[in-house]
PDB file of all heavy atoms in Angstrom:
ATOM      1  N   LEU A   1      49.154-110.285 -42.144  1.00  0.00           N
ATOM      2  CA  LEU A   1      50.161-109.241 -42.288  1.00  0.00           C
ATOM      3  C   LEU A   1      49.468-108.038 -43.104  1.00  0.00           C
ATOM      4  O   LEU A   1      49.556-106.898 -42.747  1.00  0.00           O
ATOM      5  CB  LEU A   1      51.420-109.578 -43.021  1.00  0.00           C
ATOM      6  CG  LEU A   1      52.352-110.457 -42.148  1.00  0.00           C
ATOM      7  CD1 LEU A   1      53.535-110.898 -42.986  1.00  0.00           C
ATOM      8  CD2 LEU A   1      52.935-109.688 -40.950  1.00  0.00           C
ATOM      9  N   GLN A   2      48.748-108.427 -44.225  1.00  0.00           N
ATOM     10  CA  GLN A   2      48.121-107.396 -45.094  1.00  0.00           C
ATOM     11  C   GLN A   2      47.084-106.592 -44.199  1.00  0.00           C
ATOM     12  O   GLN A   2      47.031-105.433 -44.338  1.00  0.00           O
ATOM     13  CB  GLN A   2      47.539-108.130 -46.301  1.00  0.00           C
ATOM     14  CG  GLN A   2      48.582-108.643 -47.307  1.00  0.00           C
ATOM     15  CD  GLN A   2      47.864-108.928 -48.610  1.00  0.00           C
ATOM     16  OE1 GLN A   2      47.311-108.152 -49.202  1.00  0.00           O
ATOM     17  NE2 GLN A   2      48.114-110.185 -49.017  1.00  0.00           N
ATOM     18  N   ASP A   3      46.297-107.372 -43.475  1.00  0.00           N
ATOM     19  CA  ASP A   3      45.235-106.770 -42.734  1.00  0.00           C
ATOM     20  C   ASP A   3      45.811-105.751 -41.676  1.00  0.00           C
ATOM     21  O   ASP A   3      45.259-104.802 -41.465  1.00  0.00           O
ATOM     22  CB  ASP A   3      44.398-107.902 -41.959  1.00  0.00           C
ATOM     23  CG  ASP A   3      43.613-108.667 -42.906  1.00  0.00           C
ATOM     24  OD1 ASP A   3      43.477-108.238 -43.993  1.00  0.00           O
ATOM     25  OD2 ASP A   3      43.100-109.831 -42.561  1.00  0.00           O
ATOM     26  N   LYS A   4      46.950-106.155 -41.043  1.00  0.00           N
ATOM     27  CA  LYS A   4      47.560-105.327 -40.012  1.00  0.00           C
ATOM     28  C   LYS A   4      47.997-103.989 -40.618  1.00  0.00           C
ATOM     29  O   LYS A   4      47.942-102.940 -40.085  1.00  0.00           O
ATOM     30  CB  LYS A   4      48.703-106.041 -39.302  1.00  0.00           C
ATOM     31  CG  LYS A   4      48.193-107.093 -38.246  1.00  0.00           C
ATOM     32  CD  LYS A   4      49.314-107.812 -37.669  1.00  0.00           C
ATOM     33  CE  LYS A   4      48.623-108.689 -36.606  1.00  0.00           C
ATOM     34  NZ  LYS A   4      49.669-109.581 -35.957  1.00  0.00           N
ATOM     35  N   MET A   5      48.586-104.156 -41.888  1.00  0.00           N
ATOM     36  CA  MET A   5      49.127-102.993 -42.569  1.00  0.00           C
ATOM     37  C   MET A   5      47.926-102.040 -43.006  1.00  0.00           C
ATOM     38  O   MET A   5      47.965-100.905 -43.009  1.00  0.00           O
ATOM     39  CB  MET A   5      50.075-103.234 -43.664  1.00  0.00           C
ATOM     40  CG  MET A   5      51.426-103.938 -43.214  1.00  0.00           C
ATOM     41  SD  MET A   5      52.155-103.071 -41.732  1.00  0.00           S
ATOM     42  CE  MET A   5      52.314-101.397 -42.370  1.00  0.00           C
ATOM     43  N   LYS A   6      46.839-102.689 -43.495  1.00  0.00           N
ATOM     44  CA  LYS A   6      45.683-101.973 -43.880  1.00  0.00           C
ATOM     45  C   LYS A   6      45.142-101.141 -42.648  1.00  0.00           C
ATOM     46  O   LYS A   6      44.696-100.038 -42.750  1.00  0.00           O
ATOM     47  CB  LYS A   6      44.664-102.853 -44.516  1.00  0.00           C
ATOM     48  CG  LYS A   6      44.919-103.235 -45.980  1.00  0.00           C
ATOM     49  CD  LYS A   6      44.052-104.252 -46.478  1.00  0.00           C
ATOM     50  CE  LYS A   6      44.428-104.713 -47.881  1.00  0.00           C
ATOM     51  NZ  LYS A   6      43.758-105.930 -48.306  1.00  0.00           N
ATOM     52  N   GLN A   7      45.052-101.855 -41.558  1.00  0.00           N
ATOM     53  CA  GLN A   7      44.622-101.339 -40.338  1.00  0.00           C
ATOM     54  C   GLN A   7      45.487-100.118 -39.888  1.00  0.00           C
ATOM     55  O   GLN A   7      45.014 -99.066 -39.487  1.00  0.00           O
ATOM     56  CB  GLN A   7      44.662-102.380 -39.235  1.00  0.00           C
ATOM     57  CG  GLN A   7      43.803-102.153 -38.039  1.00  0.00           C
ATOM     58  CD  GLN A   7      43.961-103.358 -37.027  1.00  0.00           C
ATOM     59  OE1 GLN A   7      43.900-104.456 -37.410  1.00  0.00           O
ATOM     60  NE2 GLN A   7      44.135-103.043 -35.764  1.00  0.00           N
ATOM     61  N   SER A   8      46.815-100.353 -40.128  1.00  0.00           N
ATOM     62  CA  SER A   8      47.749 -99.230 -39.855  1.00  0.00           C
ATOM     63  C   SER A   8      47.568 -98.029 -40.638  1.00  0.00           C
ATOM     64  O   SER A   8      47.478 -96.851 -40.123  1.00  0.00           O
ATOM     65  CB  SER A   8      49.267 -99.714 -40.005  1.00  0.00           C
ATOM     66  OG  SER A   8      49.514-100.791 -39.169  1.00  0.00           O
ATOM     67  N   LEU A   9      47.212 -98.307 -41.909  1.00  0.00           N
ATOM     68  CA  LEU A   9      47.046 -97.184 -42.783  1.00  0.00           C
ATOM     69  C   LEU A   9      45.827 -96.402 -42.476  1.00  0.00           C
ATOM     70  O   LEU A   9      45.789 -95.238 -42.410  1.00  0.00           O
ATOM     71  CB  LEU A   9      46.940 -97.748 -44.356  1.00  0.00           C
ATOM     72  CG  LEU A   9      46.543 -96.653 -45.365  1.00  0.00           C
ATOM     73  CD1 LEU A   9      47.597 -95.575 -45.438  1.00  0.00           C
ATOM     74  CD2 LEU A   9      46.472 -97.318 -46.767  1.00  0.00           C
ATOM     75  N   SER A  10      44.722 -97.142 -42.146  1.00  0.00           N
ATOM     76  CA  SER A  10      43.497 -96.385 -41.789  1.00  0.00           C
ATOM     77  C   SER A  10      43.615 -95.590 -40.471  1.00  0.00           C
ATOM     78  O   SER A  10      43.051 -94.474 -40.292  1.00  0.00           O
ATOM     79  CB  SER A  10      42.246 -97.287 -41.859  1.00  0.00           C
ATOM     80  OG  SER A  10      42.332 -98.330 -40.892  1.00  0.00           O
ATOM     81  N   THR A  11      44.457 -96.194 -39.500  1.00  0.00           N
ATOM     82  CA  THR A  11      44.614 -95.497 -38.371  1.00  0.00           C
ATOM     83  C   THR A  11      45.361 -94.236 -38.507  1.00  0.00           C
ATOM     84  O   THR A  11      45.064 -93.209 -37.974  1.00  0.00           O
ATOM     85  CB  THR A  11      45.547 -96.420 -37.225  1.00  0.00           C
ATOM     86  OG1 THR A  11      44.785 -97.608 -37.023  1.00  0.00           O
ATOM     87  CG2 THR A  11      45.845 -95.717 -36.089  1.00  0.00           C
ATOM     88  N   ILE A  12      46.416 -94.282 -39.420  1.00  0.00           N
ATOM     89  CA  ILE A  12      47.207 -93.101 -39.751  1.00  0.00           C
ATOM     90  C   ILE A  12      46.413 -92.057 -40.381  1.00  0.00           C
ATOM     91  O   ILE A  12      46.475 -90.915 -40.255  1.00  0.00           O
ATOM     92  CB  ILE A  12      48.513 -93.452 -40.540  1.00  0.00           C
ATOM     93  CG1 ILE A  12      49.470 -94.206 -39.581  1.00  0.00           C
ATOM     94  CG2 ILE A  12      49.171 -92.204 -41.076  1.00  0.00           C
ATOM     95  CD1 ILE A  12      50.656 -94.835 -40.451  1.00  0.00           C
ATOM     96  N   GLU A  13      45.515 -92.501 -41.317  1.00  0.00           N
ATOM     97  CA  GLU A  13      44.630 -91.619 -42.057  1.00  0.00           C
ATOM     98  C   GLU A  13      43.678 -90.884 -41.048  1.00  0.00           C
ATOM     99  O   GLU A  13      43.422 -89.729 -41.214  1.00  0.00           O
ATOM    100  CB  GLU A  13      43.767 -92.407 -43.028  1.00  0.00           C
ATOM    101  CG  GLU A  13      44.525 -92.745 -44.280  1.00  0.00           C
ATOM    102  CD  GLU A  13      43.830 -93.743 -45.324  1.00  0.00           C
ATOM    103  OE1 GLU A  13      42.831 -94.361 -44.827  1.00  0.00           O
ATOM    104  OE2 GLU A  13      44.186 -93.865 -46.434  1.00  0.00           O
ATOM    105  N   GLU A  14      43.169 -91.646 -40.054  1.00  0.00           N
ATOM    106  CA  GLU A  14      42.261 -90.987 -39.033  1.00  0.00           C
ATOM    107  C   GLU A  14      43.123 -89.898 -38.238  1.00  0.00           C
ATOM    108  O   GLU A  14      42.594 -88.877 -37.940  1.00  0.00           O
ATOM    109  CB  GLU A  14      41.841 -92.077 -38.008  1.00  0.00           C
ATOM    110  CG  GLU A  14      40.650 -92.956 -38.549  1.00  0.00           C
ATOM    111  CD  GLU A  14      40.384 -94.107 -37.581  1.00  0.00           C
ATOM    112  OE1 GLU A  14      40.711 -93.992 -36.368  1.00  0.00           O
ATOM    113  OE2 GLU A  14      39.972 -95.137 -38.125  1.00  0.00           O
ATOM    114  N   LEU A  15      44.287 -90.280 -37.825  1.00  0.00           N
ATOM    115  CA  LEU A  15      45.085 -89.407 -37.070  1.00  0.00           C
ATOM    116  C   LEU A  15      45.449 -88.133 -37.884  1.00  0.00           C
ATOM    117  O   LEU A  15      45.261 -86.967 -37.438  1.00  0.00           O
ATOM    118  CB  LEU A  15      46.524 -89.967 -36.715  1.00  0.00           C
ATOM    119  CG  LEU A  15      46.466 -91.113 -35.611  1.00  0.00           C
ATOM    120  CD1 LEU A  15      47.863 -91.615 -35.392  1.00  0.00           C
ATOM    121  CD2 LEU A  15      45.930 -90.595 -34.270  1.00  0.00           C
ATOM    122  N   HIS A  16      45.796 -88.348 -39.151  1.00  0.00           N
ATOM    123  CA  HIS A  16      46.070 -87.234 -39.997  1.00  0.00           C
ATOM    124  C   HIS A  16      44.834 -86.306 -40.151  1.00  0.00           C
ATOM    125  O   HIS A  16      44.896 -85.096 -40.156  1.00  0.00           O
ATOM    126  CB  HIS A  16      46.488 -87.675 -41.423  1.00  0.00           C
ATOM    127  CG  HIS A  16      46.907 -86.608 -42.293  1.00  0.00           C
ATOM    128  ND1 HIS A  16      47.942 -85.702 -42.069  1.00  0.00           N
ATOM    129  CD2 HIS A  16      46.389 -86.117 -43.477  1.00  0.00           C
ATOM    130  CE1 HIS A  16      48.045 -84.825 -42.982  1.00  0.00           C
ATOM    131  NE2 HIS A  16      46.986 -85.079 -43.986  1.00  0.00           N
ATOM    132  N   ALA A  17      43.652 -86.979 -40.316  1.00  0.00           N
ATOM    133  CA  ALA A  17      42.539 -86.181 -40.480  1.00  0.00           C
ATOM    134  C   ALA A  17      42.172 -85.295 -39.224  1.00  0.00           C
ATOM    135  O   ALA A  17      41.730 -84.154 -39.318  1.00  0.00           O
ATOM    136  CB  ALA A  17      41.250 -87.050 -40.784  1.00  0.00           C
ATOM    137  N   SER A  18      42.359 -85.964 -38.030  1.00  0.00           N
ATOM    138  CA  SER A  18      42.202 -85.218 -36.745  1.00  0.00           C
ATOM    139  C   SER A  18      42.998 -84.027 -36.700  1.00  0.00           C
ATOM    140  O   SER A  18      42.651 -82.871 -36.275  1.00  0.00           O
ATOM    141  CB  SER A  18      42.509 -86.159 -35.582  1.00  0.00           C
ATOM    142  OG  SER A  18      41.705 -87.238 -35.541  1.00  0.00           O
ATOM    143  N   PHE A  19      44.326 -84.180 -36.937  1.00  0.00           N
ATOM    144  CA  PHE A  19      45.332 -83.008 -36.837  1.00  0.00           C
ATOM    145  C   PHE A  19      44.977 -81.960 -37.890  1.00  0.00           C
ATOM    146  O   PHE A  19      45.117 -80.827 -37.675  1.00  0.00           O
ATOM    147  CB  PHE A  19      46.784 -83.502 -36.883  1.00  0.00           C
ATOM    148  CG  PHE A  19      47.141 -84.396 -35.751  1.00  0.00           C
ATOM    149  CD1 PHE A  19      47.731 -85.589 -35.874  1.00  0.00           C
ATOM    150  CD2 PHE A  19      46.863 -83.912 -34.459  1.00  0.00           C
ATOM    151  CE1 PHE A  19      48.050 -86.426 -34.777  1.00  0.00           C
ATOM    152  CE2 PHE A  19      47.184 -84.754 -33.414  1.00  0.00           C
ATOM    153  CZ  PHE A  19      47.766 -85.991 -33.537  1.00  0.00           C
ATOM    154  N   SER A  20      44.654 -82.454 -39.111  1.00  0.00           N
ATOM    155  CA  SER A  20      44.293 -81.529 -40.226  1.00  0.00           C
ATOM    156  C   SER A  20      43.097 -80.674 -39.855  1.00  0.00           C
ATOM    157  O   SER A  20      43.091 -79.453 -40.165  1.00  0.00           O
ATOM    158  CB  SER A  20      44.187 -82.222 -41.430  1.00  0.00           C
ATOM    159  OG  SER A  20      45.267 -82.932 -41.870  1.00  0.00           O
ATOM    160  N   ALA A  21      42.163 -81.269 -39.197  1.00  0.00           N
ATOM    161  CA  ALA A  21      40.883 -80.540 -38.936  1.00  0.00           C
ATOM    162  C   ALA A  21      41.043 -79.560 -37.751  1.00  0.00           C
ATOM    163  O   ALA A  21      40.246 -78.680 -37.586  1.00  0.00           O
ATOM    164  CB  ALA A  21      39.734 -81.546 -38.666  1.00  0.00           C
ATOM    165  N   ALA A  22      42.054 -79.791 -36.882  1.00  0.00           N
ATOM    166  CA  ALA A  22      42.164 -79.092 -35.649  1.00  0.00           C
ATOM    167  C   ALA A  22      42.804 -77.698 -35.911  1.00  0.00           C
ATOM    168  O   ALA A  22      43.764 -77.607 -36.717  1.00  0.00           O
ATOM    169  CB  ALA A  22      43.042 -79.834 -34.704  1.00  0.00           C
ATOM    170  N   ASN A  23      42.265 -76.701 -35.364  1.00  0.00           N
ATOM    171  CA  ASN A  23      42.862 -75.342 -35.418  1.00  0.00           C
ATOM    172  C   ASN A  23      43.718 -75.099 -34.274  1.00  0.00           C
ATOM    173  O   ASN A  23      44.677 -74.243 -34.240  1.00  0.00           O
ATOM    174  CB  ASN A  23      41.791 -74.225 -35.647  1.00  0.00           C
ATOM    175  CG  ASN A  23      41.066 -74.449 -36.904  1.00  0.00           C
ATOM    176  OD1 ASN A  23      41.631 -74.537 -38.026  1.00  0.00           O
ATOM    177  ND2 ASN A  23      39.762 -74.398 -36.738  1.00  0.00           N
ATOM    178  N   SER A  24      43.406 -75.733 -33.142  1.00  0.00           N
ATOM    179  CA  SER A  24      44.218 -75.613 -31.926  1.00  0.00           C
ATOM    180  C   SER A  24      44.017 -76.785 -31.064  1.00  0.00           C
ATOM    181  O   SER A  24      43.241 -77.744 -31.479  1.00  0.00           O
ATOM    182  CB  SER A  24      43.619 -74.325 -31.176  1.00  0.00           C
ATOM    183  OG  SER A  24      42.435 -74.660 -30.656  1.00  0.00           O
ATOM    184  N   PHE A  25      44.701 -76.830 -29.879  1.00  0.00           N
ATOM    185  CA  PHE A  25      44.558 -77.987 -29.033  1.00  0.00           C
ATOM    186  C   PHE A  25      43.114 -78.106 -28.438  1.00  0.00           C
ATOM    187  O   PHE A  25      42.724 -79.209 -28.055  1.00  0.00           O
ATOM    188  CB  PHE A  25      45.514 -77.874 -27.827  1.00  0.00           C
ATOM    189  CG  PHE A  25      46.890 -78.135 -28.252  1.00  0.00           C
ATOM    190  CD1 PHE A  25      47.971 -77.272 -28.048  1.00  0.00           C
ATOM    191  CD2 PHE A  25      47.267 -79.372 -28.855  1.00  0.00           C
ATOM    192  CE1 PHE A  25      49.215 -77.531 -28.465  1.00  0.00           C
ATOM    193  CE2 PHE A  25      48.496 -79.722 -29.278  1.00  0.00           C
ATOM    194  CZ  PHE A  25      49.592 -78.747 -29.053  1.00  0.00           C
ATOM    195  N   GLN A  26      42.460 -76.962 -28.398  1.00  0.00           N
ATOM    196  CA  GLN A  26      41.019 -77.043 -27.936  1.00  0.00           C
ATOM    197  C   GLN A  26      40.194 -77.923 -28.755  1.00  0.00           C
ATOM    198  O   GLN A  26      39.224 -78.481 -28.330  1.00  0.00           O
ATOM    199  CB  GLN A  26      40.468 -75.563 -27.890  1.00  0.00           C
ATOM    200  CG  GLN A  26      40.856 -74.810 -26.681  1.00  0.00           C
ATOM    201  CD  GLN A  26      42.373 -74.516 -26.578  1.00  0.00           C
ATOM    202  OE1 GLN A  26      43.023 -74.170 -27.527  1.00  0.00           O
ATOM    203  NE2 GLN A  26      42.974 -74.815 -25.313  1.00  0.00           N
ATOM    204  N   ASP A  27      40.695 -78.067 -30.099  1.00  0.00           N
ATOM    205  CA  ASP A  27      39.821 -78.872 -31.007  1.00  0.00           C
ATOM    206  C   ASP A  27      40.178 -80.388 -30.782  1.00  0.00           C
ATOM    207  O   ASP A  27      39.561 -81.250 -31.271  1.00  0.00           O
ATOM    208  CB  ASP A  27      40.136 -78.510 -32.387  1.00  0.00           C
ATOM    209  CG  ASP A  27      39.731 -77.144 -32.686  1.00  0.00           C
ATOM    210  OD1 ASP A  27      38.905 -76.499 -31.989  1.00  0.00           O
ATOM    211  OD2 ASP A  27      40.196 -76.629 -33.770  1.00  0.00           O
ATOM    212  N   LEU A  28      41.296 -80.708 -30.070  1.00  0.00           N
ATOM    213  CA  LEU A  28      41.725 -82.059 -29.885  1.00  0.00           C
ATOM    214  C   LEU A  28      41.536 -82.377 -28.395  1.00  0.00           C
ATOM    215  O   LEU A  28      42.065 -81.767 -27.515  1.00  0.00           O
ATOM    216  CB  LEU A  28      43.246 -82.196 -30.134  1.00  0.00           C
ATOM    217  CG  LEU A  28      43.674 -81.943 -31.614  1.00  0.00           C
ATOM    218  CD1 LEU A  28      45.179 -81.828 -31.616  1.00  0.00           C
ATOM    219  CD2 LEU A  28      43.260 -83.032 -32.464  1.00  0.00           C
ATOM    220  N   SER A  29      40.770 -83.478 -28.101  1.00  0.00           N
ATOM    221  CA  SER A  29      40.530 -83.901 -26.780  1.00  0.00           C
ATOM    222  C   SER A  29      41.861 -84.597 -26.255  1.00  0.00           C
ATOM    223  O   SER A  29      42.663 -85.043 -27.104  1.00  0.00           O
ATOM    224  CB  SER A  29      39.313 -84.854 -26.714  1.00  0.00           C
ATOM    225  OG  SER A  29      39.671 -86.058 -27.384  1.00  0.00           O
ATOM    226  N   SER A  30      42.002 -84.645 -25.040  1.00  0.00           N
ATOM    227  CA  SER A  30      43.112 -85.264 -24.446  1.00  0.00           C
ATOM    228  C   SER A  30      43.198 -86.663 -24.735  1.00  0.00           C
ATOM    229  O   SER A  30      44.237 -87.354 -25.008  1.00  0.00           O
ATOM    230  CB  SER A  30      43.225 -85.049 -22.879  1.00  0.00           C
ATOM    231  OG  SER A  30      42.180 -85.650 -22.307  1.00  0.00           O
ATOM    232  N   SER A  31      42.025 -87.281 -24.880  1.00  0.00           N
ATOM    233  CA  SER A  31      41.989 -88.739 -25.289  1.00  0.00           C
ATOM    234  C   SER A  31      42.392 -88.992 -26.704  1.00  0.00           C
ATOM    235  O   SER A  31      43.114 -90.028 -26.923  1.00  0.00           O
ATOM    236  CB  SER A  31      40.461 -89.273 -25.123  1.00  0.00           C
ATOM    237  OG  SER A  31      39.636 -88.661 -26.077  1.00  0.00           O
ATOM    238  N   VAL A  32      42.200 -88.027 -27.643  1.00  0.00           N
ATOM    239  CA  VAL A  32      42.762 -88.221 -29.038  1.00  0.00           C
ATOM    240  C   VAL A  32      44.259 -88.207 -28.929  1.00  0.00           C
ATOM    241  O   VAL A  32      44.891 -89.048 -29.502  1.00  0.00           O
ATOM    242  CB  VAL A  32      42.310 -87.019 -29.876  1.00  0.00           C
ATOM    243  CG1 VAL A  32      43.125 -86.891 -31.154  1.00  0.00           C
ATOM    244  CG2 VAL A  32      40.774 -87.109 -30.227  1.00  0.00           C
ATOM    245  N   LEU A  33      44.802 -87.394 -28.157  1.00  0.00           N
ATOM    246  CA  LEU A  33      46.306 -87.269 -28.050  1.00  0.00           C
ATOM    247  C   LEU A  33      46.873 -88.451 -27.368  1.00  0.00           C
ATOM    248  O   LEU A  33      47.887 -89.032 -27.820  1.00  0.00           O
ATOM    249  CB  LEU A  33      46.734 -85.931 -27.303  1.00  0.00           C
ATOM    250  CG  LEU A  33      46.401 -84.710 -28.079  1.00  0.00           C
ATOM    251  CD1 LEU A  33      46.667 -83.487 -27.150  1.00  0.00           C
ATOM    252  CD2 LEU A  33      47.228 -84.581 -29.360  1.00  0.00           C
ATOM    253  N   THR A  34      46.286 -88.938 -26.333  1.00  0.00           N
ATOM    254  CA  THR A  34      46.784 -90.178 -25.567  1.00  0.00           C
ATOM    255  C   THR A  34      46.631 -91.413 -26.468  1.00  0.00           C
ATOM    256  O   THR A  34      47.540 -92.213 -26.555  1.00  0.00           O
ATOM    257  CB  THR A  34      46.231 -90.363 -24.176  1.00  0.00           C
ATOM    258  OG1 THR A  34      44.864 -90.214 -24.286  1.00  0.00           O
ATOM    259  CG2 THR A  34      46.791 -89.342 -23.171  1.00  0.00           C
ATOM    260  N   GLN A  35      45.488 -91.534 -27.124  1.00  0.00           N
ATOM    261  CA  GLN A  35      45.267 -92.727 -27.933  1.00  0.00           C
ATOM    262  C   GLN A  35      46.145 -92.688 -29.097  1.00  0.00           C
ATOM    263  O   GLN A  35      46.589 -93.757 -29.592  1.00  0.00           O
ATOM    264  CB  GLN A  35      43.803 -92.737 -28.454  1.00  0.00           C
ATOM    265  CG  GLN A  35      42.712 -93.204 -27.438  1.00  0.00           C
ATOM    266  CD  GLN A  35      41.387 -92.887 -27.864  1.00  0.00           C
ATOM    267  OE1 GLN A  35      41.056 -92.756 -29.064  1.00  0.00           O
ATOM    268  NE2 GLN A  35      40.409 -92.890 -26.920  1.00  0.00           N
ATOM    269  N   SER A  36      46.506 -91.537 -29.638  1.00  0.00           N
ATOM    270  CA  SER A  36      47.492 -91.400 -30.797  1.00  0.00           C
ATOM    271  C   SER A  36      48.784 -92.062 -30.442  1.00  0.00           C
ATOM    272  O   SER A  36      49.389 -92.829 -31.230  1.00  0.00           O
ATOM    273  CB  SER A  36      47.703 -89.996 -31.173  1.00  0.00           C
ATOM    274  OG  SER A  36      46.433 -89.374 -31.428  1.00  0.00           O
TER     275      SER A  36
END
C-alpha cells in the first residue's frame, strides 16, 4: 500500500511539473494528456 501511494505521489508530481512548465497546449503532447 505504501509503495502504491508513493508511486501515486510521484505520478502527480510529474503531472504537476508538466502542466507548470507548459505555456500552452503546444508544449503538451497529446500523449501527455491521454496518459494523464
